[in-house]
Amino acid sequence: MSKGTKSYGTRRYGLRMALSALFMAAVAQWASAATWCVNPGGSGGCQSTIGGAVAKAAPGDTIQVAAGVYHEEVIVGESLSLVGANQSNTIIDATSLSNGIYIDGIDNPGLANVSVMGFTVRNANFEGILVANSSTVTIASNNVFNNNKSLDAVNAVCPGEQDFETAEGFDCGEGIHLTGVDHSTVANNIIQNNAGGILLSDDTGATHHNLITGNVTTNNPFDCGITLASHPPAALTGAKAPLGVFHNTIAANQSSNNGTAVHGAGAGVGLFAFLPGGTVSGNIVIANRLTGNGLPGVTFHAHSPGEDFNSNVVVGNHISGNGADTDDAATPGTTGINVFGVSPISGTIISQNVIQGETNDIVVNTPTSVDIHFNDLRDGTGIANIGSGTANATENWWGCSGGPGASGCGNVSGSGVAWTPWLSGPFLPRRF
């Protein structure tokens, strides 16, 4: 008994010592964290460039940047916080440079805990802000304008683009691009007049469990406001198949007037794959305002067999005035939500959306069943099923109490749409 007690006491003492050492290490790291200052003249002991401060900083440090124009590409390879004085007048001008800010976890494996806030980032050849192979990154309260300058829109190429980006095509990586990124947040940014807005892709690794919220993506003419796309893996990954874009949340963003330069250039929110094995699954598109985009407000494209587009949820969005889909995913007219899949797009839930000002509120073209409930469908064709699958579309509001086909109500086009019973009034979520 005493021997056991002594052993337990020894273990407990050892555990206390280990915890104490960990605590002291954390305190030491916190105590050693420094704040660096940057201003255009390098006065007052500050650095004159943001890159100069990054080179001197240690992990955990903060770099505070005064108002001014900084002509540079900022490359971050360790845990740092970059804080601009004000997003309207603290400007990274990357004219003739690749990116405005590049958070580089490819050359710095395990990169995590980077924050960027309070900047205007403009005029980069490719991305305004590029984040690769990193975790727990925060990109917040920035203006990202007029990037993707190298785009050759006629030939849909970006000469000189980073070789690990495999399928950007019409967007040069867009204003903000996450590839191989997890558990990160992109919040309250304004992304305008780039080729495209925000891109989540899997060129260099799986991109998952990220939150994209409160952003305004507008007037990005060649691609979507927000894109979730499964691309071919870059050679550096050694992967044989796409790596996946999954379990991301796209919440409370405004995405408007994107993808309008050529017919069918971009959606409000687009979920895309074009190769067997492509994975865009388990994502949530919630409470966004999606208006006036060149493709449907929410657009699903699964162009090949063997893709995983399962269990995506589109809920509580306001969608109006968007375009028709094109090519193999073509819709009969302007469309709020288009679910197109050569592969079965299973487990899709479309609920509590308000859709108006479209020829077709929801178009379904995939060889499986799509669940569509509690939506406010205000247009002539509330639901069009133009594929071989079915739509379980009970409990929707069709614009009047009479239900589909009644005078003043929306209607159903195609077969395989179950629509009864219907709601006698617009769905009102319970308030707690």
Protein backbone atom coordinates (compact mmCIF):
# COMPACT_ATOMS: atom_id res chain seq x y z
CA MET A 1 0.00 0.00 0.00
CA SER A 2 2.74 2.47 1.02
CA LYS A 3 4.74 1.53 -2.03
CA GLY A 4 1.76 2.28 -4.28
CA THR A 5 1.14 5.57 -2.51
CA LYS A 6 4.75 6.61 -2.91
CA SER A 7 4.61 5.72 -6.61
CA TYR A 8 1.42 7.79 -7.06
CA GLY A 9 2.98 10.71 -5.19
CA THR A 10 6.10 10.54 -7.33
CA ARG A 11 4.04 10.54 -10.51
CA ARG A 12 1.94 13.46 -9.27
CA TYR A 13 5.10 15.43 -8.37
CA GLY A 14 6.52 14.68 -11.82
CA LEU A 15 3.30 15.85 -13.47
CA ARG A 16 3.39 19.10 -11.46
CA MET A 17 6.98 19.68 -12.52
CA ALA A 18 6.13 19.03 -16.18
CA LEU A 19 3.14 21.37 -16.10
CA SER A 20 5.21 23.99 -14.34
CA ALA A 21 7.88 23.76 -17.04
CA LEU A 22 5.27 24.12 -19.77
CA PHE A 23 3.75 27.13 -18.01
CA MET A 24 7.14 28.78 -17.56
CA ALA A 25 7.93 28.17 -21.23
CA ALA A 26 4.63 29.78 -22.25
CA VAL A 27 5.28 32.76 -19.97
CA ALA A 28 8.79 33.13 -21.37
CA GLN A 29 7.46 33.06 -24.92
CA TRP A 30 4.78 35.64 -24.07
CA ALA A 31 7.26 37.82 -22.23
CA SER A 32 9.66 37.77 -25.14
CA ALA A 33 7.04 38.76 -27.74
CA ALA A 34 7.90 42.15 -29.22
CA THR A 35 6.03 44.86 -31.11
CA TRP A 36 7.76 46.32 -34.16
CA CYS A 37 6.80 49.56 -35.81
CA VAL A 38 6.88 50.52 -39.48
CA ASN A 39 6.44 53.91 -41.10
CA PRO A 40 7.35 55.15 -44.60
CA GLY A 41 10.35 57.14 -43.43
CA GLY A 42 11.68 54.63 -40.94
CA SER A 43 11.72 57.33 -38.27
CA GLY A 44 11.58 56.91 -34.52
CA GLY A 45 13.42 53.60 -34.55
CA CYS A 46 10.86 52.03 -36.87
CA GLN A 47 11.47 50.06 -40.04
CA SER A 48 10.73 51.72 -43.37
CA THR A 49 9.31 48.55 -44.95
CA ILE A 50 6.96 45.88 -43.67
CA GLY A 51 9.28 43.20 -45.06
CA GLY A 52 12.14 44.67 -43.05
CA ALA A 53 10.14 44.32 -39.84
CA VAL A 54 9.10 40.77 -40.76
CA ALA A 55 12.76 39.84 -41.24
CA LYS A 56 13.63 41.06 -37.73
CA ALA A 57 10.57 39.71 -35.94
CA ALA A 58 10.40 36.48 -33.97
CA PRO A 59 7.43 34.12 -33.75
CA GLY A 60 4.60 35.68 -31.74
CA ASP A 61 5.63 39.26 -32.47
CA THR A 62 3.33 42.03 -33.67
CA ILE A 63 4.16 44.44 -36.47
CA GLN A 64 2.27 47.73 -36.35
CA VAL A 65 2.26 49.64 -39.63
CA ALA A 66 1.61 53.38 -39.83
CA ALA A 67 -0.46 54.96 -42.57
CA GLY A 68 1.34 55.32 -45.89
CA VAL A 69 2.04 53.54 -49.15
CA TYR A 70 4.44 50.58 -49.06
CA HIS A 71 5.66 49.37 -52.46
CA GLU A 72 6.48 45.74 -51.66
CA GLU A 73 5.40 42.12 -51.53
CA VAL A 74 5.23 40.99 -47.90
CA ILE A 75 6.17 37.33 -47.38
CA VAL A 76 5.38 35.84 -43.96
CA GLY A 77 6.95 32.56 -42.88
CA GLU A 78 6.35 32.53 -39.11
CA SER A 79 3.62 33.28 -36.57
CA LEU A 80 3.14 37.05 -36.69
CA SER A 81 0.44 39.69 -36.45
CA LEU A 82 0.50 42.39 -39.14
CA VAL A 83 -1.67 45.32 -38.06
CA GLY A 84 -2.25 48.33 -40.28
CA ALA A 85 -3.26 51.67 -38.83
CA ASN A 86 -6.35 51.90 -41.02
CA GLN A 87 -7.51 49.83 -43.97
CA SER A 88 -8.25 52.96 -46.01
CA ASN A 89 -4.80 54.57 -45.79
CA THR A 90 -2.29 51.82 -44.90
CA ILE A 91 -1.54 50.58 -48.38
CA ILE A 92 0.53 47.72 -49.74
CA ASP A 93 1.00 48.55 -53.42
CA ALA A 94 2.39 45.47 -55.17
CA THR A 95 2.64 46.94 -58.66
CA SER A 96 4.75 44.59 -60.87
CA LEU A 97 5.11 42.12 -57.96
CA SER A 98 3.56 38.68 -57.60
CA ASN A 99 1.35 39.11 -54.51
CA GLY A 100 0.61 41.79 -51.97
CA ILE A 101 0.89 39.50 -48.95
CA TYR A 102 1.99 35.86 -49.14
CA ILE A 103 1.62 33.69 -46.04
CA ASP A 104 4.00 30.91 -47.06
CA GLY A 105 3.50 27.57 -45.35
CA ILE A 106 4.92 25.71 -48.33
CA ASP A 107 8.49 26.77 -47.57
CA ASN A 108 7.76 26.98 -43.82
CA PRO A 109 5.97 23.73 -42.89
CA GLY A 110 3.65 23.91 -39.90
CA LEU A 111 3.02 27.64 -40.26
CA ALA A 112 0.17 28.77 -38.02
CA ASN A 113 -1.22 31.71 -36.07
CA VAL A 114 -0.76 34.54 -38.55
CA SER A 115 -3.01 37.61 -38.53
CA VAL A 116 -3.35 40.33 -41.17
CA MET A 117 -5.69 43.24 -40.59
CA GLY A 118 -6.13 46.89 -41.42
CA PHE A 119 -4.57 47.17 -44.92
CA THR A 120 -5.42 48.06 -48.46
CA VAL A 121 -3.70 45.55 -50.76
CA ARG A 122 -3.65 46.49 -54.43
CA ASN A 123 -2.12 46.07 -57.89
CA ALA A 124 -0.45 42.65 -57.47
CA ASN A 125 0.11 40.57 -60.59
CA PHE A 126 -1.63 37.59 -58.96
CA GLU A 127 -3.31 37.46 -55.54
CA GLY A 128 -3.81 40.37 -53.24
CA ILE A 129 -3.46 38.01 -50.26
CA LEU A 130 -2.28 34.42 -50.77
CA VAL A 131 -2.32 31.89 -47.91
CA ALA A 132 -0.75 28.48 -48.58
CA ASN A 133 -0.46 25.40 -46.34
CA SER A 134 -1.16 27.18 -43.07
CA SER A 135 -3.48 26.88 -40.08
CA THR A 136 -5.35 29.29 -37.80
CA VAL A 137 -4.78 32.32 -40.01
CA THR A 138 -6.94 35.43 -39.66
CA ILE A 139 -7.44 37.83 -42.58
CA ALA A 140 -9.74 40.60 -41.34
CA SER A 141 -10.82 44.13 -42.16
CA ASN A 142 -8.73 44.67 -45.28
CA ASN A 143 -9.48 46.25 -48.64
CA VAL A 144 -8.27 44.04 -51.49
CA PHE A 145 -8.55 45.97 -54.76
CA ASN A 146 -7.34 45.79 -58.36
CA ASN A 147 -5.18 42.67 -58.15
CA ASN A 148 -4.74 39.87 -60.74
CA LYS A 149 -3.03 42.38 -63.05
CA SER A 150 -1.31 39.62 -65.08
CA LEU A 151 -4.56 38.06 -66.23
CA ASP A 152 -4.72 37.51 -69.98
CA ALA A 153 -8.49 37.32 -70.22
CA VAL A 154 -8.50 36.58 -73.95
CA ASN A 155 -6.51 33.35 -73.50
CA ALA A 156 -7.55 32.65 -69.88
CA VAL A 157 -3.96 32.41 -68.61
CA CYS A 158 -1.78 34.16 -66.01
CA PRO A 159 1.79 34.28 -67.35
CA GLY A 160 4.40 33.78 -64.64
CA GLU A 161 1.94 32.58 -62.02
CA GLN A 162 3.19 30.49 -59.08
CA ASP A 163 3.80 26.95 -60.32
CA PHE A 164 1.88 25.36 -57.44
CA GLU A 165 -1.41 26.90 -58.59
CA THR A 166 -2.94 24.46 -60.99
CA ALA A 167 -6.27 25.67 -62.37
CA GLU A 168 -6.88 29.33 -61.74
CA GLY A 169 -7.63 30.11 -65.38
CA PHE A 170 -9.68 33.29 -65.48
CA ASP A 171 -8.73 34.58 -62.04
CA CYS A 172 -4.95 34.46 -61.32
CA GLY A 173 -5.85 33.21 -57.84
CA GLU A 174 -8.37 35.95 -57.05
CA GLY A 175 -8.23 38.75 -54.47
CA ILE A 176 -7.81 36.40 -51.49
CA HIS A 177 -6.77 32.78 -52.03
CA LEU A 178 -6.55 29.96 -49.49
CA THR A 179 -4.90 26.71 -50.62
CA GLY A 180 -4.05 23.91 -48.19
CA VAL A 181 -5.46 26.03 -45.34
CA ASP A 182 -7.46 24.90 -42.32
CA HIS A 183 -9.19 26.39 -39.27
CA SER A 184 -8.75 29.94 -40.53
CA THR A 185 -10.97 33.00 -40.78
CA VAL A 186 -11.49 35.54 -43.56
CA ALA A 187 -13.76 38.23 -42.14
CA ASN A 188 -15.05 41.72 -42.90
CA ASN A 189 -12.86 42.38 -45.93
CA ILE A 190 -13.87 44.33 -49.02
CA ILE A 191 -12.71 42.52 -52.17
CA GLN A 192 -13.36 44.55 -55.30
CA ASN A 193 -12.20 44.85 -58.92
CA ASN A 194 -9.94 41.81 -58.87
CA ALA A 195 -10.51 39.11 -61.48
CA GLY A 196 -12.35 37.12 -58.78
CA GLY A 197 -13.13 37.56 -55.09
CA ILE A 198 -12.25 34.83 -52.55
CA LEU A 199 -10.98 31.39 -53.62
CA LEU A 200 -10.71 28.26 -51.46
CA SER A 201 -8.90 25.50 -53.36
CA ASP A 202 -6.87 22.35 -52.78
CA ASP A 203 -3.93 22.80 -55.18
CA THR A 204 -1.36 22.25 -52.39
CA GLY A 205 -3.41 20.52 -49.70
CA ALA A 206 -6.90 20.02 -48.35
CA THR A 207 -8.69 23.26 -47.43
CA HIS A 208 -11.13 22.66 -44.62
CA HIS A 209 -12.84 24.01 -41.50
CA ASN A 210 -12.45 27.65 -42.52
CA LEU A 211 -14.89 30.49 -41.87
CA ILE A 212 -15.55 33.09 -44.57
CA THR A 213 -17.83 35.73 -43.04
CA GLY A 214 -18.91 39.34 -43.28
CA ASN A 215 -17.01 40.04 -46.49
CA VAL A 216 -18.16 42.20 -49.39
CA THR A 217 -17.08 40.80 -52.76
CA THR A 218 -18.24 42.97 -55.61
CA ASN A 219 -17.40 43.87 -59.20
CA ASN A 220 -14.85 41.10 -59.66
CA PRO A 221 -15.58 40.60 -63.36
CA PHE A 222 -14.00 37.29 -64.41
CA ASP A 223 -14.91 34.86 -61.64
CA CYS A 224 -17.13 34.23 -58.64
CA GLY A 225 -17.48 36.38 -55.58
CA ILE A 226 -16.62 33.32 -53.47
CA THR A 227 -15.36 30.04 -54.96
CA LEU A 228 -14.84 26.60 -53.42
CA ALA A 229 -12.99 24.57 -56.05
CA SER A 230 -11.29 21.19 -56.13
CA HIS A 231 -8.27 21.45 -58.45
CA PRO A 232 -5.63 19.00 -59.67
CA PRO A 233 -2.90 18.64 -57.02
CA ALA A 234 0.32 20.54 -57.57
CA ALA A 235 3.39 18.41 -58.26
CA LEU A 236 4.92 19.38 -54.93
CA THR A 237 2.16 17.55 -53.02
CA GLY A 238 2.93 14.13 -54.52
CA ALA A 239 -0.82 13.45 -54.42
CA LYS A 240 -2.50 11.32 -57.07
CA ALA A 241 -5.99 12.85 -56.72
CA PRO A 242 -7.53 16.15 -55.65
CA LEU A 243 -7.22 16.73 -51.92
CA GLY A 244 -10.56 18.31 -51.11
CA VAL A 245 -12.37 21.46 -50.04
CA PHE A 246 -14.66 20.46 -47.20
CA HIS A 247 -16.37 21.57 -43.99
CA ASN A 248 -16.00 25.28 -44.71
CA THR A 249 -18.63 27.83 -43.72
CA ILE A 250 -19.57 30.74 -46.01
CA ALA A 251 -21.70 32.99 -43.78
CA ALA A 252 -23.22 36.47 -43.94
CA ASN A 253 -21.24 37.73 -46.92
CA GLN A 254 -22.44 40.06 -49.66
CA SER A 255 -21.48 38.85 -53.13
CA SER A 256 -22.74 41.01 -55.98
CA ASN A 257 -22.01 41.85 -59.62
CA ASN A 258 -19.23 39.30 -59.97
CA GLY A 259 -18.48 37.29 -63.10
CA THR A 260 -20.16 39.67 -65.51
CA ALA A 261 -17.35 40.49 -67.98
CA VAL A 262 -18.20 37.54 -70.21
CA HIS A 263 -21.31 35.39 -70.22
CA GLY A 264 -21.21 32.85 -67.41
CA ALA A 265 -17.97 34.01 -65.82
CA GLY A 266 -18.86 33.70 -62.15
CA ALA A 267 -21.47 33.02 -59.46
CA GLY A 268 -22.21 34.63 -56.13
CA VAL A 269 -20.93 31.45 -54.44
CA GLY A 270 -19.58 28.66 -56.68
CA LEU A 271 -18.79 25.06 -55.70
CA PHE A 272 -16.83 23.43 -58.53
CA ALA A 273 -14.88 20.36 -59.57
CA PHE A 274 -14.00 18.98 -62.97
CA LEU A 275 -11.85 15.87 -62.40
CA PRO A 276 -12.71 12.41 -61.06
CA GLY A 277 -11.98 12.36 -57.34
CA GLY A 278 -12.68 16.06 -56.90
CA THR A 279 -14.09 16.74 -53.45
CA VAL A 280 -16.24 19.69 -52.40
CA SER A 281 -18.30 18.35 -49.53
CA GLY A 282 -19.87 19.20 -46.20
CA ASN A 283 -19.74 22.95 -46.79
CA ILE A 284 -22.35 25.39 -45.48
CA VAL A 285 -23.51 28.48 -47.40
CA ILE A 286 -25.64 30.45 -44.94
CA ALA A 287 -27.20 33.90 -44.61
CA ASN A 288 -25.44 35.47 -47.59
CA ARG A 289 -26.83 38.12 -49.95
CA LEU A 290 -26.12 37.05 -53.54
CA THR A 291 -27.27 39.47 -56.22
CA GLY A 292 -26.57 40.41 -59.83
CA ASN A 293 -23.85 37.84 -60.53
CA GLY A 294 -23.11 36.42 -63.99
CA LEU A 295 -23.94 32.82 -63.01
CA PRO A 296 -26.63 31.67 -60.55
CA GLY A 297 -26.43 32.97 -57.00
CA VAL A 298 -25.28 29.56 -55.72
CA THR A 299 -23.81 27.31 -58.40
CA PHE A 300 -22.86 23.63 -58.06
CA HIS A 301 -20.75 22.10 -60.85
CA ALA A 302 -19.62 18.47 -60.63
CA HIS A 303 -18.47 17.93 -64.21
CA SER A 304 -17.02 14.39 -64.02
CA PRO A 305 -17.97 10.95 -62.69
CA GLY A 306 -16.52 9.89 -59.37
CA GLU A 307 -16.61 13.27 -57.62
CA ASP A 308 -17.64 13.84 -54.00
CA PHE A 309 -20.14 16.70 -53.78
CA ASN A 310 -22.02 15.28 -50.83
CA SER A 311 -23.75 16.94 -47.89
CA ASN A 312 -23.46 20.60 -48.81
CA VAL A 313 -26.05 22.91 -47.22
CA VAL A 314 -27.49 26.16 -48.64
CA VAL A 315 -29.65 27.85 -46.02
CA GLY A 316 -31.05 31.28 -45.20
CA ASN A 317 -29.65 33.21 -48.17
CA HIS A 318 -31.24 36.11 -50.06
CA ILE A 319 -30.74 35.54 -53.79
CA SER A 320 -31.91 37.76 -56.64
CA GLY A 321 -31.15 39.03 -60.13
CA ASN A 322 -28.40 36.57 -61.08
CA GLY A 323 -27.61 35.05 -64.48
CA ALA A 324 -28.29 31.76 -66.23
CA ASP A 325 -25.81 28.90 -66.13
CA THR A 326 -23.98 27.86 -69.29
CA ASP A 327 -22.47 25.01 -71.29
CA ASP A 328 -23.12 21.51 -69.88
CA ALA A 329 -24.64 23.08 -66.75
CA ALA A 330 -26.98 25.36 -68.71
CA THR A 331 -30.26 26.40 -67.10
CA PRO A 332 -33.47 27.43 -68.92
CA GLY A 333 -33.03 31.06 -67.84
CA THR A 334 -31.72 33.22 -65.04
CA THR A 335 -31.39 31.13 -61.89
CA GLY A 336 -31.12 31.50 -58.13
CA ILE A 337 -29.54 28.12 -57.31
CA ASN A 338 -28.29 25.55 -59.83
CA VAL A 339 -27.40 22.02 -58.70
CA PHE A 340 -25.59 20.42 -61.65
CA GLY A 341 -23.73 17.15 -61.32
CA VAL A 342 -22.64 14.43 -63.68
CA SER A 343 -21.74 12.74 -60.39
CA PRO A 344 -24.68 12.31 -58.00
CA ILE A 345 -24.79 15.36 -55.71
CA SER A 346 -26.25 13.60 -52.69
CA GLY A 347 -27.17 14.90 -49.27
CA THR A 348 -27.75 18.43 -50.59
CA ILE A 349 -30.06 20.53 -48.41
CA ILE A 350 -31.57 23.79 -49.69
CA SER A 351 -33.66 25.50 -47.03
CA GLN A 352 -35.01 28.85 -45.82
CA ASN A 353 -33.71 30.84 -48.78
CA VAL A 354 -35.56 33.81 -50.26
CA ILE A 355 -35.22 33.77 -54.06
CA GLN A 356 -36.73 36.37 -56.35
CA GLY A 357 -36.13 38.17 -59.62
CA GLU A 358 -35.06 34.99 -61.43
CA THR A 359 -36.64 33.00 -64.25
CA ASN A 360 -35.95 29.84 -62.24
CA ASP A 361 -35.55 29.90 -58.49
CA ILE A 362 -33.90 26.47 -58.23
CA VAL A 363 -32.74 24.18 -61.05
CA VAL A 364 -31.84 20.54 -60.34
CA ASN A 365 -29.81 18.44 -62.80
CA THR A 366 -28.12 15.53 -61.04
CA PRO A 367 -28.89 11.77 -60.89
CA THR A 368 -29.99 11.72 -57.25
CA SER A 369 -32.43 13.41 -54.87
CA VAL A 370 -32.08 17.00 -53.62
CA ASP A 371 -33.92 18.17 -50.49
CA ILE A 372 -35.60 21.58 -50.88
CA HIS A 373 -37.73 22.78 -47.96
CA PHE A 374 -38.99 25.98 -46.25
CA ASN A 375 -37.84 28.28 -49.05
CA ASP A 376 -39.60 31.41 -50.29
CA LEU A 377 -39.90 30.78 -54.05
CA ARG A 378 -41.30 33.91 -55.63
CA ASP A 379 -40.74 33.46 -59.35
CA GLY A 380 -42.53 31.84 -62.29
CA THR A 381 -40.64 28.56 -62.19
CA GLY A 382 -39.98 27.87 -58.53
CA ILE A 383 -38.25 24.56 -59.20
CA ALA A 384 -37.13 23.09 -62.53
CA ASN A 385 -35.90 19.50 -62.60
CA ILE A 386 -34.09 19.04 -65.90
CA GLY A 387 -32.09 15.93 -64.97
CA SER A 388 -32.69 12.28 -64.18
CA GLY A 389 -32.89 12.70 -60.40
CA THR A 390 -35.64 13.92 -58.12
CA ALA A 391 -36.41 16.85 -55.86
CA ASN A 392 -38.08 16.45 -52.47
CA ALA A 393 -39.63 19.92 -52.39
CA THR A 394 -42.38 19.75 -49.81
CA GLU A 395 -43.13 22.60 -47.37
CA ASN A 396 -42.08 25.55 -49.54
CA TRP A 397 -43.88 28.87 -50.04
CA TRP A 398 -44.68 29.43 -53.71
CA GLY A 399 -45.74 33.08 -53.56
CA CYS A 400 -49.42 32.51 -52.75
CA SER A 401 -51.47 30.20 -50.59
CA GLY A 402 -52.73 28.07 -53.48
CA GLY A 403 -49.44 26.28 -54.11
CA PRO A 404 -47.66 25.46 -57.38
CA GLY A 405 -49.64 26.30 -60.49
CA ALA A 406 -52.32 28.39 -58.74
CA SER A 407 -52.96 31.89 -60.02
CA GLY A 408 -50.12 34.13 -58.84
CA CYS A 409 -48.04 31.22 -57.56
CA GLY A 410 -44.79 29.82 -58.85
CA ASN A 411 -44.85 26.51 -60.63
CA VAL A 412 -42.87 23.33 -61.17
CA SER A 413 -41.14 22.31 -64.39
CA GLY A 414 -40.09 18.75 -65.19
CA SER A 415 -40.90 15.46 -63.51
CA GLY A 416 -39.82 13.94 -60.22
CA VAL A 417 -40.58 16.98 -58.03
CA ALA A 418 -42.60 16.21 -54.89
CA TRP A 419 -44.18 19.51 -53.80
CA THR A 420 -47.18 18.69 -51.65
CA PRO A 421 -47.87 19.68 -48.91
CA TRP A 422 -46.79 23.31 -49.35
CA LEU A 423 -46.65 26.25 -46.99
CA SER A 424 -49.65 28.58 -46.83
CA GLY A 425 -47.40 31.55 -46.06
CA PRO A 426 -43.72 32.49 -46.06
CA PHE A 427 -41.59 30.48 -43.69
CA LEU A 428 -40.72 32.43 -40.56
CA PRO A 429 -37.90 30.90 -38.50
CA ARG A 430 -38.62 30.57 -34.82
CA ARG A 431 -36.97 33.28 -32.75
CA PHE A 432 -35.52 32.24 -29.42
